[in-house]
């Protein structure tokens, strides 16, 4: 296989047999290739800062800024090796990217909540920073003819907890293998065939993400039930497997059986609706659709 690329300094254009979009949630490659429908995407925003001091254990917090209105996402406080605490909020809000401002508006209230719970050291927050998340693949076509999107650019972020490092690494390797093994002309088909199996968790839980945004009362009821005395400890192992997309590779146990049952139930419940229809249309075939020529 040969690979050629040319760049015109005057035009600012790069051309190649295959273009890989590995440029993050707001991917310029994806947008210029016409592979993103932002109105259908499931957006999120993560805002974090740092406190001097130590805490004993990492905390993931489901928080109700208003009674019976669960924050659509979660907060965290993680100890770091250098005597610093990483603290922040991850907010999900569907297609309305303007709603990302809520993370900044509520961060101080969240810190006050953690302080009231005795979680945080007595220290001032410093070094705030934030970043966009595009979750659950929805709204992004991962492959067009001559263009492959990987990682966050493809929306390969867990729609429940916002993690995407493992998915980015796996999809980057799969895209490279598709190019090397199938050649530029057929790489998109091979890459989509890989993704059909790799996105099952995203496909099942993208509707859950959308429902969390729209129905805070129902999510509060579910969270309270799952964490109730006598229930929380019984389902914690299964919840950890399911939440983190670890069910398939887990060792046989009652936790795996419960997580598998939950996956089947949620998959069945989400087979209808706009999100399910989008996945059915995108992955009914492994033939990539035409893409515009990405330019920079």
C-alpha atoms as a PDB file:
ATOM      1  CA  UNK A   1       0.000   0.000   0.000  1.00  0.00           C
ATOM      2  CA  UNK A   2       1.224   3.460  -0.755  1.00  0.00           C
ATOM      3  CA  UNK A   3       0.249   6.572   1.151  1.00  0.00           C
ATOM      4  CA  UNK A   4       0.641  10.028  -0.281  1.00  0.00           C
ATOM      5  CA  UNK A   5      -0.086  13.432   1.120  1.00  0.00           C
ATOM      6  CA  UNK A   6       0.343  16.921  -0.145  1.00  0.00           C
ATOM      7  CA  UNK A   7       0.122  20.272   1.575  1.00  0.00           C
ATOM      8  CA  UNK A   8      -0.413  23.618   0.024  1.00  0.00           C
ATOM      9  CA  UNK A   9       0.923  26.356   2.267  1.00  0.00           C
ATOM     10  CA  UNK A  10      -1.158  28.917   0.406  1.00  0.00           C
ATOM     11  CA  UNK A  11      -4.391  26.955   0.760  1.00  0.00           C
ATOM     12  CA  UNK A  12      -3.668  25.415   4.160  1.00  0.00           C
ATOM     13  CA  UNK A  13      -4.914  22.057   2.860  1.00  0.00           C
ATOM     14  CA  UNK A  14      -3.628  18.556   3.618  1.00  0.00           C
ATOM     15  CA  UNK A  15      -4.601  15.674   1.341  1.00  0.00           C
ATOM     16  CA  UNK A  16      -4.042  11.967   1.834  1.00  0.00           C
ATOM     17  CA  UNK A  17      -5.415   8.585   0.863  1.00  0.00           C
ATOM     18  CA  UNK A  18      -6.955   8.318   4.336  1.00  0.00           C
ATOM     19  CA  UNK A  19      -7.487  11.012   6.952  1.00  0.00           C
ATOM     20  CA  UNK A  20      -7.668  10.010  10.621  1.00  0.00           C
ATOM     21  CA  UNK A  21      -9.635  12.293  12.897  1.00  0.00           C
ATOM     22  CA  UNK A  22      -8.067  11.991  16.347  1.00  0.00           C
ATOM     23  CA  UNK A  23      -8.605  15.605  17.330  1.00  0.00           C
ATOM     24  CA  UNK A  24     -11.014  15.393  20.242  1.00  0.00           C
ATOM     25  CA  UNK A  25     -14.703  15.909  20.949  1.00  0.00           C
ATOM     26  CA  UNK A  26     -14.956  19.087  18.875  1.00  0.00           C
ATOM     27  CA  UNK A  27     -13.061  17.453  15.981  1.00  0.00           C
ATOM     28  CA  UNK A  28     -12.396  19.763  13.037  1.00  0.00           C
ATOM     29  CA  UNK A  29     -11.881  16.710  10.827  1.00  0.00           C
ATOM     30  CA  UNK A  30     -15.317  15.329  11.723  1.00  0.00           C
ATOM     31  CA  UNK A  31     -17.064  18.637  11.130  1.00  0.00           C
ATOM     32  CA  UNK A  32     -15.332  19.524   7.883  1.00  0.00           C
ATOM     33  CA  UNK A  33     -16.020  15.996   6.571  1.00  0.00           C
ATOM     34  CA  UNK A  34     -19.717  16.400   7.360  1.00  0.00           C
ATOM     35  CA  UNK A  35     -19.745  13.445   9.758  1.00  0.00           C
ATOM     36  CA  UNK A  36     -21.305  15.174  12.783  1.00  0.00           C
ATOM     37  CA  UNK A  37     -24.902  16.158  13.491  1.00  0.00           C
ATOM     38  CA  UNK A  38     -24.482  18.284  16.631  1.00  0.00           C
ATOM     39  CA  UNK A  39     -28.257  18.457  17.144  1.00  0.00           C
ATOM     40  CA  UNK A  40     -28.304  14.698  17.774  1.00  0.00           C
ATOM     41  CA  UNK A  41     -25.036  14.393  19.711  1.00  0.00           C
ATOM     42  CA  UNK A  42     -24.937  13.730  23.450  1.00  0.00           C
ATOM     43  CA  UNK A  43     -22.660  16.425  24.791  1.00  0.00           C
ATOM     44  CA  UNK A  44     -21.112  16.768  28.194  1.00  0.00           C
ATOM     45  CA  UNK A  45     -18.664  19.050  29.933  1.00  0.00           C
ATOM     46  CA  UNK A  46     -16.193  18.214  32.700  1.00  0.00           C
ATOM     47  CA  UNK A  47     -14.864  20.975  34.954  1.00  0.00           C
ATOM     48  CA  UNK A  48     -12.138  20.283  37.484  1.00  0.00           C
ATOM     49  CA  UNK A  49      -9.805  22.068  39.852  1.00  0.00           C
ATOM     50  CA  UNK A  50      -7.213  21.234  42.489  1.00  0.00           C
ATOM     51  CA  UNK A  51      -6.952  21.610  46.253  1.00  0.00           C
ATOM     52  CA  UNK A  52      -3.828  21.325  48.389  1.00  0.00           C
ATOM     53  CA  UNK A  53      -4.133  18.552  50.952  1.00  0.00           C
ATOM     54  CA  UNK A  54      -4.984  14.865  51.255  1.00  0.00           C
ATOM     55  CA  UNK A  55      -8.045  12.650  51.411  1.00  0.00           C
ATOM     56  CA  UNK A  56      -8.002   8.965  52.288  1.00  0.00           C
ATOM     57  CA  UNK A  57     -10.157   7.549  49.496  1.00  0.00           C
ATOM     58  CA  UNK A  58     -11.411   8.588  46.044  1.00  0.00           C
ATOM     59  CA  UNK A  59     -15.054   9.667  45.970  1.00  0.00           C
ATOM     60  CA  UNK A  60     -17.579   9.574  43.135  1.00  0.00           C
ATOM     61  CA  UNK A  61     -20.632  11.562  44.160  1.00  0.00           C
ATOM     62  CA  UNK A  62     -24.216  11.469  42.913  1.00  0.00           C
ATOM     63  CA  UNK A  63     -25.441  14.851  44.050  1.00  0.00           C
ATOM     64  CA  UNK A  64     -28.830  16.554  44.361  1.00  0.00           C
ATOM     65  CA  UNK A  65     -28.366  20.336  44.196  1.00  0.00           C
ATOM     66  CA  UNK A  66     -32.156  20.470  44.638  1.00  0.00           C
ATOM     67  CA  UNK A  67     -34.097  17.895  46.611  1.00  0.00           C
ATOM     68  CA  UNK A  68     -35.174  15.021  44.317  1.00  0.00           C
ATOM     69  CA  UNK A  69     -33.417  16.620  41.339  1.00  0.00           C
ATOM     70  CA  UNK A  70     -30.226  14.669  40.726  1.00  0.00           C
ATOM     71  CA  UNK A  71     -27.389  16.514  39.047  1.00  0.00           C
ATOM     72  CA  UNK A  72     -27.238  15.055  35.486  1.00  0.00           C
ATOM     73  CA  UNK A  73     -23.789  13.578  35.820  1.00  0.00           C
ATOM     74  CA  UNK A  74     -21.584  13.164  38.852  1.00  0.00           C
ATOM     75  CA  UNK A  75     -18.919  14.849  40.925  1.00  0.00           C
ATOM     76  CA  UNK A  76     -15.632  13.519  42.196  1.00  0.00           C
ATOM     77  CA  UNK A  77     -12.781  14.061  44.622  1.00  0.00           C
ATOM     78  CA  UNK A  78      -9.642  12.024  43.884  1.00  0.00           C
ATOM     79  CA  UNK A  79      -6.413  12.006  45.914  1.00  0.00           C
ATOM     80  CA  UNK A  80      -3.225  12.497  43.910  1.00  0.00           C
ATOM     81  CA  UNK A  81       0.287  11.383  44.775  1.00  0.00           C
ATOM     82  CA  UNK A  82       1.664  14.894  45.283  1.00  0.00           C
ATOM     83  CA  UNK A  83      -0.555  15.973  48.188  1.00  0.00           C
ATOM     84  CA  UNK A  84      -3.199  17.436  45.899  1.00  0.00           C
ATOM     85  CA  UNK A  85      -6.901  16.614  45.498  1.00  0.00           C
ATOM     86  CA  UNK A  86      -8.510  16.604  42.041  1.00  0.00           C
ATOM     87  CA  UNK A  87     -12.136  17.717  42.408  1.00  0.00           C
ATOM     88  CA  UNK A  88     -14.779  18.469  39.812  1.00  0.00           C
ATOM     89  CA  UNK A  89     -18.139  18.000  38.140  1.00  0.00           C
ATOM     90  CA  UNK A  90     -19.036  16.127  34.967  1.00  0.00           C
ATOM     91  CA  UNK A  91     -22.268  17.407  33.443  1.00  0.00           C
ATOM     92  CA  UNK A  92     -24.402  15.760  30.741  1.00  0.00           C
ATOM     93  CA  UNK A  93     -26.899  17.870  28.798  1.00  0.00           C
ATOM     94  CA  UNK A  94     -27.744  16.290  25.455  1.00  0.00           C
ATOM     95  CA  UNK A  95     -27.507  18.483  22.369  1.00  0.00           C
ATOM     96  CA  UNK A  96     -27.727  21.901  24.103  1.00  0.00           C
ATOM     97  CA  UNK A  97     -24.082  22.868  24.488  1.00  0.00           C
ATOM     98  CA  UNK A  98     -25.064  26.170  26.058  1.00  0.00           C
ATOM     99  CA  UNK A  99     -26.097  24.227  29.160  1.00  0.00           C
ATOM    100  CA  UNK A 100     -22.414  23.564  29.901  1.00  0.00           C
ATOM    101  CA  UNK A 101     -22.368  26.784  31.956  1.00  0.00           C
ATOM    102  CA  UNK A 102     -24.181  24.911  34.755  1.00  0.00           C
ATOM    103  CA  UNK A 103     -20.952  23.111  35.647  1.00  0.00           C
ATOM    104  CA  UNK A 104     -19.286  26.435  36.459  1.00  0.00           C
ATOM    105  CA  UNK A 105     -22.356  27.832  38.162  1.00  0.00           C
ATOM    106  CA  UNK A 106     -22.707  24.818  40.480  1.00  0.00           C
ATOM    107  CA  UNK A 107     -19.082  23.950  41.205  1.00  0.00           C
ATOM    108  CA  UNK A 108     -18.853  26.161  44.305  1.00  0.00           C
ATOM    109  CA  UNK A 109     -22.095  24.689  45.666  1.00  0.00           C
ATOM    110  CA  UNK A 110     -20.733  21.197  45.060  1.00  0.00           C
ATOM    111  CA  UNK A 111     -17.523  22.033  46.912  1.00  0.00           C
ATOM    112  CA  UNK A 112     -19.599  23.373  49.799  1.00  0.00           C
ATOM    113  CA  UNK A 113     -21.546  20.106  49.830  1.00  0.00           C
ATOM    114  CA  UNK A 114     -18.337  18.045  49.997  1.00  0.00           C
ATOM    115  CA  UNK A 115     -16.981  20.309  52.706  1.00  0.00           C
ATOM    116  CA  UNK A 116     -20.183  19.849  54.717  1.00  0.00           C
ATOM    117  CA  UNK A 117     -19.762  16.077  54.353  1.00  0.00           C
ATOM    118  CA  UNK A 118     -16.219  16.341  55.672  1.00  0.00           C
ATOM    119  CA  UNK A 119     -14.650  15.046  52.465  1.00  0.00           C
ATOM    120  CA  UNK A 120     -12.325  17.891  51.469  1.00  0.00           C
ATOM    121  CA  UNK A 121      -9.267  19.425  53.122  1.00  0.00           C
ATOM    122  CA  UNK A 122      -9.491  23.066  54.172  1.00  0.00           C
ATOM    123  CA  UNK A 123      -7.959  24.665  51.097  1.00  0.00           C
ATOM    124  CA  UNK A 124      -8.779  27.060  48.281  1.00  0.00           C
ATOM    125  CA  UNK A 125      -9.622  25.746  44.838  1.00  0.00           C
ATOM    126  CA  UNK A 126      -7.023  26.546  42.180  1.00  0.00           C
ATOM    127  CA  UNK A 127      -6.221  25.800  38.546  1.00  0.00           C
ATOM    128  CA  UNK A 128      -9.734  25.358  37.136  1.00  0.00           C
ATOM    129  CA  UNK A 129      -9.885  23.746  33.728  1.00  0.00           C
ATOM    130  CA  UNK A 130     -12.581  22.104  31.637  1.00  0.00           C
ATOM    131  CA  UNK A 131     -13.168  20.095  28.499  1.00  0.00           C
ATOM    132  CA  UNK A 132     -15.934  18.926  26.194  1.00  0.00           C
ATOM    133  CA  UNK A 133     -17.183  15.357  26.034  1.00  0.00           C
ATOM    134  CA  UNK A 134     -19.075  13.813  23.120  1.00  0.00           C
ATOM    135  CA  UNK A 135     -20.588  10.584  24.382  1.00  0.00           C
ATOM    136  CA  UNK A 136     -22.198   7.408  23.177  1.00  0.00           C
ATOM    137  CA  UNK A 137     -21.330   7.822  19.458  1.00  0.00           C
ATOM    138  CA  UNK A 138     -24.802   9.279  18.745  1.00  0.00           C
ATOM    139  CA  UNK A 139     -24.755  12.060  16.168  1.00  0.00           C
ATOM    140  CA  UNK A 140     -21.347  11.120  14.749  1.00  0.00           C
ATOM    141  CA  UNK A 141     -20.695   8.871  11.768  1.00  0.00           C
ATOM    142  CA  UNK A 142     -17.347   7.248  12.659  1.00  0.00           C
ATOM    143  CA  UNK A 143     -16.267   6.546   9.080  1.00  0.00           C
ATOM    144  CA  UNK A 144     -16.762   8.206   5.723  1.00  0.00           C
ATOM    145  CA  UNK A 145     -14.996   7.313   2.521  1.00  0.00           C
ATOM    146  CA  UNK A 146     -11.412   8.318   3.123  1.00  0.00           C
ATOM    147  CA  UNK A 147     -12.042   9.515   6.698  1.00  0.00           C
ATOM    148  CA  UNK A 148     -11.886   7.509   9.930  1.00  0.00           C
ATOM    149  CA  UNK A 149     -12.716   9.046  13.315  1.00  0.00           C
ATOM    150  CA  UNK A 150     -11.245   7.602  16.510  1.00  0.00           C
ATOM    151  CA  UNK A 151     -11.607   8.231  20.225  1.00  0.00           C
ATOM    152  CA  UNK A 152     -13.450  11.355  21.321  1.00  0.00           C
ATOM    153  CA  UNK A 153     -13.737  12.554  17.719  1.00  0.00           C
ATOM    154  CA  UNK A 154     -16.004   9.563  17.066  1.00  0.00           C
ATOM    155  CA  UNK A 155     -17.924  10.022  20.322  1.00  0.00           C
ATOM    156  CA  UNK A 156     -16.422   6.805  21.717  1.00  0.00           C
ATOM    157  CA  UNK A 157     -16.907   7.898  25.312  1.00  0.00           C
ATOM    158  CA  UNK A 158     -18.836   5.841  27.857  1.00  0.00           C
ATOM    159  CA  UNK A 159     -22.268   7.530  27.967  1.00  0.00           C
ATOM    160  CA  UNK A 160     -22.695   6.714  31.668  1.00  0.00           C
ATOM    161  CA  UNK A 161     -19.428   7.844  33.255  1.00  0.00           C
ATOM    162  CA  UNK A 162     -17.649   9.902  30.599  1.00  0.00           C
ATOM    163  CA  UNK A 163     -14.426   7.877  30.322  1.00  0.00           C
ATOM    164  CA  UNK A 164     -12.856   7.354  26.923  1.00  0.00           C
ATOM    165  CA  UNK A 165      -9.114   6.665  27.177  1.00  0.00           C
ATOM    166  CA  UNK A 166      -9.361   2.903  26.645  1.00  0.00           C
ATOM    167  CA  UNK A 167     -11.817   3.372  23.777  1.00  0.00           C
ATOM    168  CA  UNK A 168      -9.531   5.931  22.145  1.00  0.00           C
ATOM    169  CA  UNK A 169      -6.553   3.589  22.265  1.00  0.00           C
ATOM    170  CA  UNK A 170      -8.527   0.599  20.977  1.00  0.00           C
ATOM    171  CA  UNK A 171     -10.190   2.536  18.163  1.00  0.00           C
ATOM    172  CA  UNK A 172      -6.877   4.105  17.093  1.00  0.00           C
ATOM    173  CA  UNK A 173      -5.334   0.660  16.815  1.00  0.00           C
ATOM    174  CA  UNK A 174      -8.382  -0.683  14.952  1.00  0.00           C
ATOM    175  CA  UNK A 175      -8.299   2.200  12.474  1.00  0.00           C
ATOM    176  CA  UNK A 176      -4.574   1.707  11.838  1.00  0.00           C
ATOM    177  CA  UNK A 177      -5.080  -2.034  11.318  1.00  0.00           C
ATOM    178  CA  UNK A 178      -7.968  -1.374   8.932  1.00  0.00           C
ATOM    179  CA  UNK A 179      -5.764   0.882   6.790  1.00  0.00           C
ATOM    180  CA  UNK A 180      -2.793  -1.494   6.802  1.00  0.00           C
ATOM    181  CA  UNK A 181      -4.779  -4.666   6.208  1.00  0.00           C
ATOM    182  CA  UNK A 182      -7.508  -3.470   3.861  1.00  0.00           C
ATOM    183  CA  UNK A 183      -5.871  -0.496   2.186  1.00  0.00           C
ATOM    184  CA  UNK A 184      -7.223   3.050   1.959  1.00  0.00           C
ATOM    185  CA  UNK A 185     -10.163   2.188  -0.296  1.00  0.00           C
ATOM    186  CA  UNK A 186     -11.646  -0.495   1.983  1.00  0.00           C
ATOM    187  CA  UNK A 187     -10.443   0.750   5.384  1.00  0.00           C
ATOM    188  CA  UNK A 188     -13.750   2.370   6.299  1.00  0.00           C
ATOM    189  CA  UNK A 189     -15.716  -0.846   5.858  1.00  0.00           C
ATOM    190  CA  UNK A 190     -13.290  -2.818   8.014  1.00  0.00           C
ATOM    191  CA  UNK A 191     -13.268  -0.126  10.691  1.00  0.00           C
ATOM    192  CA  UNK A 192     -17.071   0.002  10.847  1.00  0.00           C
ATOM    193  CA  UNK A 193     -17.176  -3.782  11.159  1.00  0.00           C
ATOM    194  CA  UNK A 194     -14.932  -3.468  14.224  1.00  0.00           C
ATOM    195  CA  UNK A 195     -17.089  -0.729  15.715  1.00  0.00           C
ATOM    196  CA  UNK A 196     -20.318  -2.717  15.382  1.00  0.00           C
ATOM    197  CA  UNK A 197     -19.036  -4.996  18.127  1.00  0.00           C
ATOM    198  CA  UNK A 198     -17.085  -2.387  20.076  1.00  0.00           C
ATOM    199  CA  UNK A 199     -19.972   0.032  20.684  1.00  0.00           C
ATOM    200  CA  UNK A 200     -22.536  -2.325  22.225  1.00  0.00           C
ATOM    201  CA  UNK A 201     -22.257  -0.581  25.613  1.00  0.00           C
ATOM    202  CA  UNK A 202     -22.640   2.823  23.948  1.00  0.00           C
ATOM    203  CA  UNK A 203     -25.612   1.627  21.924  1.00  0.00           C
ATOM    204  CA  UNK A 204     -27.363   0.251  25.010  1.00  0.00           C
ATOM    205  CA  UNK A 205     -26.713   3.232  27.270  1.00  0.00           C
ATOM    206  CA  UNK A 206     -26.945   6.259  24.988  1.00  0.00           C
ATOM    207  CA  UNK A 207     -30.737   6.234  25.586  1.00  0.00           C
ATOM    208  CA  UNK A 208     -30.037   6.018  29.337  1.00  0.00           C
ATOM    209  CA  UNK A 209     -27.847   9.122  29.067  1.00  0.00           C
ATOM    210  CA  UNK A 210     -30.596  10.975  27.205  1.00  0.00           C
ATOM    211  CA  UNK A 211     -33.162   9.900  29.791  1.00  0.00           C
ATOM    212  CA  UNK A 212     -30.975  11.093  32.677  1.00  0.00           C
ATOM    213  CA  UNK A 213     -30.908  14.567  31.177  1.00  0.00           C
ATOM    214  CA  UNK A 214     -34.675  14.724  30.627  1.00  0.00           C
ATOM    215  CA  UNK A 215     -35.949  13.055  33.816  1.00  0.00           C
ATOM    216  CA  UNK A 216     -34.017  14.155  36.931  1.00  0.00           C
ATOM    217  CA  UNK A 217     -36.785  13.027  39.301  1.00  0.00           C
ATOM    218  CA  UNK A 218     -36.768   9.472  37.920  1.00  0.00           C
ATOM    219  CA  UNK A 219     -32.965   9.375  38.118  1.00  0.00           C
ATOM    220  CA  UNK A 220     -33.059  10.563  41.739  1.00  0.00           C
ATOM    221  CA  UNK A 221     -35.518   7.810  42.604  1.00  0.00           C
ATOM    222  CA  UNK A 222     -33.319   5.199  40.907  1.00  0.00           C
ATOM    223  CA  UNK A 223     -30.135   6.447  42.574  1.00  0.00           C
ATOM    224  CA  UNK A 224     -31.742   6.476  46.008  1.00  0.00           C
ATOM    225  CA  UNK A 225     -33.070   2.950  45.490  1.00  0.00           C
ATOM    226  CA  UNK A 226     -29.680   1.620  44.341  1.00  0.00           C
ATOM    227  CA  UNK A 227     -27.887   3.186  47.316  1.00  0.00           C
ATOM    228  CA  UNK A 228     -30.483   2.314  49.962  1.00  0.00           C
ATOM    229  CA  UNK A 229     -29.345   0.361  53.055  1.00  0.00           C
ATOM    230  CA  UNK A 230     -29.341  -3.353  52.320  1.00  0.00           C
ATOM    231  CA  UNK A 231     -29.472  -2.767  48.561  1.00  0.00           C
ATOM    232  CA  UNK A 232     -26.359  -0.718  47.939  1.00  0.00           C
ATOM    233  CA  UNK A 233     -23.903  -3.370  49.123  1.00  0.00           C
ATOM    234  CA  UNK A 234     -25.805  -6.136  47.326  1.00  0.00           C
ATOM    235  CA  UNK A 235     -25.674  -4.452  43.924  1.00  0.00           C
ATOM    236  CA  UNK A 236     -22.403  -2.487  44.218  1.00  0.00           C
ATOM    237  CA  UNK A 237     -20.285  -5.090  42.417  1.00  0.00           C
ATOM    238  CA  UNK A 238     -22.740  -5.501  39.561  1.00  0.00           C
ATOM    239  CA  UNK A 239     -23.208  -1.743  39.288  1.00  0.00           C
ATOM    240  CA  UNK A 240     -19.445  -1.230  39.068  1.00  0.00           C
ATOM    241  CA  UNK A 241     -19.178  -3.765  36.243  1.00  0.00           C
ATOM    242  CA  UNK A 242     -22.128  -2.329  34.350  1.00  0.00           C
ATOM    243  CA  UNK A 243     -21.273   1.347  34.875  1.00  0.00           C
ATOM    244  CA  UNK A 244     -17.696   0.892  33.690  1.00  0.00           C
ATOM    245  CA  UNK A 245     -18.434  -1.475  30.774  1.00  0.00           C
ATOM    246  CA  UNK A 246     -16.529  -4.352  32.383  1.00  0.00           C
ATOM    247  CA  UNK A 247     -19.272  -6.992  32.358  1.00  0.00           C
ATOM    248  CA  UNK A 248     -18.103  -8.954  29.322  1.00  0.00           C
ATOM    249  CA  UNK A 249     -14.548  -9.490  30.610  1.00  0.00           C
ATOM    250  CA  UNK A 250     -15.426 -10.040  34.276  1.00  0.00           C
ATOM    251  CA  UNK A 251     -14.874 -13.401  35.973  1.00  0.00           C
ATOM    252  CA  UNK A 252     -18.017 -15.492  36.529  1.00  0.00           C
ATOM    253  CA  UNK A 253     -19.820 -14.347  39.672  1.00  0.00           C
ATOM    254  CA  UNK A 254     -23.221 -13.248  40.892  1.00  0.00           C
ATOM    255  CA  UNK A 255     -22.147  -9.666  40.187  1.00  0.00           C
ATOM    256  CA  UNK A 256     -21.486 -10.509  36.554  1.00  0.00           C
ATOM    257  CA  UNK A 257     -24.800 -12.365  36.271  1.00  0.00           C
ATOM    258  CA  UNK A 258     -26.693  -9.400  37.700  1.00  0.00           C
ATOM    259  CA  UNK A 259     -24.837  -6.926  35.450  1.00  0.00           C
ATOM    260  CA  UNK A 260     -25.569  -9.110  32.423  1.00  0.00           C
ATOM    261  CA  UNK A 261     -29.264  -9.267  33.333  1.00  0.00           C
ATOM    262  CA  UNK A 262     -29.354  -5.477  33.720  1.00  0.00           C
ATOM    263  CA  UNK A 263     -27.687  -5.063  30.318  1.00  0.00           C
ATOM    264  CA  UNK A 264     -30.278  -7.314  28.651  1.00  0.00           C
ATOM    265  CA  UNK A 265     -33.164  -5.476  30.344  1.00  0.00           C
ATOM    266  CA  UNK A 266     -31.903  -2.002  29.462  1.00  0.00           C
ATOM    267  CA  UNK A 267     -31.091  -3.056  25.894  1.00  0.00           C
ATOM    268  CA  UNK A 268     -34.637  -4.365  25.452  1.00  0.00           C
ATOM    269  CA  UNK A 269     -36.140  -1.195  26.942  1.00  0.00           C
ATOM    270  CA  UNK A 270     -34.159   1.021  24.572  1.00  0.00           C
ATOM    271  CA  UNK A 271     -34.887  -0.775  21.311  1.00  0.00           C
ATOM    272  CA  UNK A 272     -37.367   1.890  20.295  1.00  0.00           C
ATOM    273  CA  UNK A 273     -36.962   5.613  20.148  1.00  0.00           C
ATOM    274  CA  UNK A 274     -34.936   8.180  18.286  1.00  0.00           C
ATOM    275  CA  UNK A 275     -31.538   7.058  19.593  1.00  0.00           C
ATOM    276  CA  UNK A 276     -32.149   3.400  18.764  1.00  0.00           C
ATOM    277  CA  UNK A 277     -33.301   4.396  15.287  1.00  0.00           C
ATOM    278  CA  UNK A 278     -30.108   6.405  14.744  1.00  0.00           C
ATOM    279  CA  UNK A 279     -27.917   3.415  15.602  1.00  0.00           C
ATOM    280  CA  UNK A 280     -29.973   1.112  13.409  1.00  0.00           C
ATOM    281  CA  UNK A 281     -29.560   3.439  10.438  1.00  0.00           C
ATOM    282  CA  UNK A 282     -25.839   4.035  10.964  1.00  0.00           C
ATOM    283  CA  UNK A 283     -24.775   0.453  11.560  1.00  0.00           C
ATOM    284  CA  UNK A 284     -27.235  -1.476   9.411  1.00  0.00           C
ATOM    285  CA  UNK A 285     -24.415  -1.732   6.883  1.00  0.00           C
ATOM    286  CA  UNK A 286     -20.654  -1.589   7.105  1.00  0.00           C
ATOM    287  CA  UNK A 287     -20.405   0.501   3.959  1.00  0.00           C
ATOM    288  CA  UNK A 288     -19.196   4.018   4.854  1.00  0.00           C
ATOM    289  CA  UNK A 289     -21.098   6.880   3.361  1.00  0.00           C
ATOM    290  CA  UNK A 290     -19.416   9.613   1.285  1.00  0.00           C
ATOM    291  CA  UNK A 291     -17.638  12.265   3.283  1.00  0.00           C
ATOM    292  CA  UNK A 292     -16.674  15.791   2.389  1.00  0.00           C
ATOM    293  CA  UNK A 293     -12.975  16.508   1.939  1.00  0.00           C
ATOM    294  CA  UNK A 294     -11.573  17.672   5.298  1.00  0.00           C
ATOM    295  CA  UNK A 295      -9.624  20.899   5.029  1.00  0.00           C
ATOM    296  CA  UNK A 296      -7.582  22.827   7.564  1.00  0.00           C
END
